[in-house]
Amino acid sequence: MEKIEVGEVFTISDENDEEQEVEVLGSMHIEGSEYVAVSFVEDLQQDDEGDIDVFFLKVDDDGDFSAIETDAEFEKVSAAFAEIMEEED
């Protein structure tokens, strides 16, 4: 599996099979699993100062992305990324 790099752009399909480009904002390993924080490229390119939507995807052994399945897993990943972002500020 290739390492996923911050700034990498890729296309995902939503539940309606509409394709969206997302950019990797960060990646990390938690309890043996890899996760990435991503945001829509279109949102990142806008010049306004508003908040952007960030969401998390789990990376499997083949490098494929999947949604986080449980609220507990989401909370764990969200808290870990928030901690990293606070350290960078």
Protein backbone atom coordinates (compact mmCIF):
# COMPACT_ATOMS: atom_id res chain seq x y z
CA MET A 1 0.00 0.00 0.00
CA GLU A 2 1.30 3.45 -0.91
CA LYS A 3 1.53 6.06 1.81
CA ILE A 4 -1.22 8.63 1.64
CA GLU A 5 0.20 12.14 1.57
CA VAL A 6 -1.28 15.35 2.96
CA GLY A 7 -2.44 17.45 0.02
CA GLU A 8 -3.23 14.43 -2.13
CA VAL A 9 -6.48 14.82 -4.10
CA PHE A 10 -8.70 11.91 -5.05
CA THR A 11 -12.28 11.25 -6.12
CA ILE A 12 -14.88 9.51 -3.99
CA SER A 13 -18.49 8.59 -4.75
CA ASP A 14 -21.26 9.51 -2.33
CA GLU A 15 -24.37 7.50 -1.55
CA ASN A 16 -26.00 8.84 -4.76
CA ASP A 17 -22.98 7.75 -6.85
CA GLU A 18 -22.05 11.40 -7.43
CA GLU A 19 -18.31 11.87 -7.63
CA GLN A 20 -16.61 14.49 -5.46
CA GLU A 21 -12.96 15.50 -5.29
CA VAL A 22 -11.50 15.56 -1.78
CA GLU A 23 -8.10 16.62 -0.46
CA VAL A 24 -6.25 14.88 2.36
CA LEU A 25 -5.73 17.26 5.28
CA GLY A 26 -4.04 14.74 7.57
CA SER A 27 -3.53 11.07 8.25
CA MET A 28 -2.80 8.99 11.32
CA HIS A 29 -2.77 5.47 12.72
CA ILE A 30 -5.03 4.64 15.65
CA GLU A 31 -5.03 1.19 17.22
CA GLY A 32 -3.60 -0.47 14.10
CA SER A 33 -5.91 1.24 11.58
CA GLU A 34 -5.12 4.15 9.26
CA TYR A 35 -7.49 7.11 8.97
CA VAL A 36 -7.47 10.28 6.86
CA ALA A 37 -9.12 13.63 7.41
CA VAL A 38 -10.42 15.06 4.13
CA SER A 39 -12.41 18.00 2.84
CA PHE A 40 -14.03 18.78 -0.48
CA VAL A 41 -11.59 20.49 -2.88
CA GLU A 42 -14.32 22.93 -3.92
CA ASP A 43 -14.74 24.10 -0.30
CA LEU A 44 -10.99 24.50 0.16
CA GLN A 45 -10.68 26.63 -2.99
CA GLN A 46 -13.28 29.17 -1.91
CA ASP A 47 -11.79 32.44 -0.70
CA ASP A 48 -14.12 33.02 2.23
CA GLU A 49 -12.99 32.72 5.84
CA GLY A 50 -15.81 30.33 6.80
CA ASP A 51 -15.38 26.94 8.33
CA ILE A 52 -14.85 23.98 6.04
CA ASP A 53 -16.43 20.58 6.45
CA VAL A 54 -13.89 17.95 7.45
CA PHE A 55 -14.72 14.28 7.54
CA PHE A 56 -12.82 11.10 8.24
CA LEU A 57 -12.32 7.95 6.21
CA LYS A 58 -10.79 4.62 7.20
CA VAL A 59 -8.09 3.22 4.91
CA ASP A 60 -8.06 -0.55 4.44
CA ASP A 61 -5.04 -2.74 3.68
CA ASP A 62 -5.58 -2.31 -0.08
CA GLY A 63 -5.59 1.49 0.19
CA ASP A 64 -9.35 1.74 -0.34
CA PHE A 65 -11.42 4.17 1.68
CA SER A 66 -14.52 3.38 3.70
CA ALA A 67 -16.83 5.26 6.00
CA ILE A 68 -16.39 5.01 9.74
CA GLU A 69 -19.02 2.57 10.93
CA THR A 70 -19.75 3.46 14.54
CA ASP A 71 -20.19 6.59 16.63
CA ALA A 72 -17.55 5.32 19.06
CA GLU A 73 -14.98 4.91 16.28
CA PHE A 74 -15.86 8.36 14.91
CA GLU A 75 -15.45 9.97 18.34
CA LYS A 76 -12.06 8.27 18.83
CA VAL A 77 -10.76 9.42 15.42
CA SER A 78 -12.22 12.91 15.74
CA ALA A 79 -10.64 13.43 19.17
CA ALA A 80 -7.24 12.19 17.97
CA PHE A 81 -7.25 14.54 14.96
CA ALA A 82 -8.40 17.46 17.14
CA GLU A 83 -5.49 16.81 19.48
CA ILE A 84 -3.04 16.83 16.57
CA MET A 85 -4.48 20.10 15.25
CA GLU A 86 -4.17 21.75 18.68
CA GLU A 87 -0.51 20.72 18.88
CA GLU A 88 0.18 22.30 15.48
CA ASP A 89 -1.34 25.67 16.45
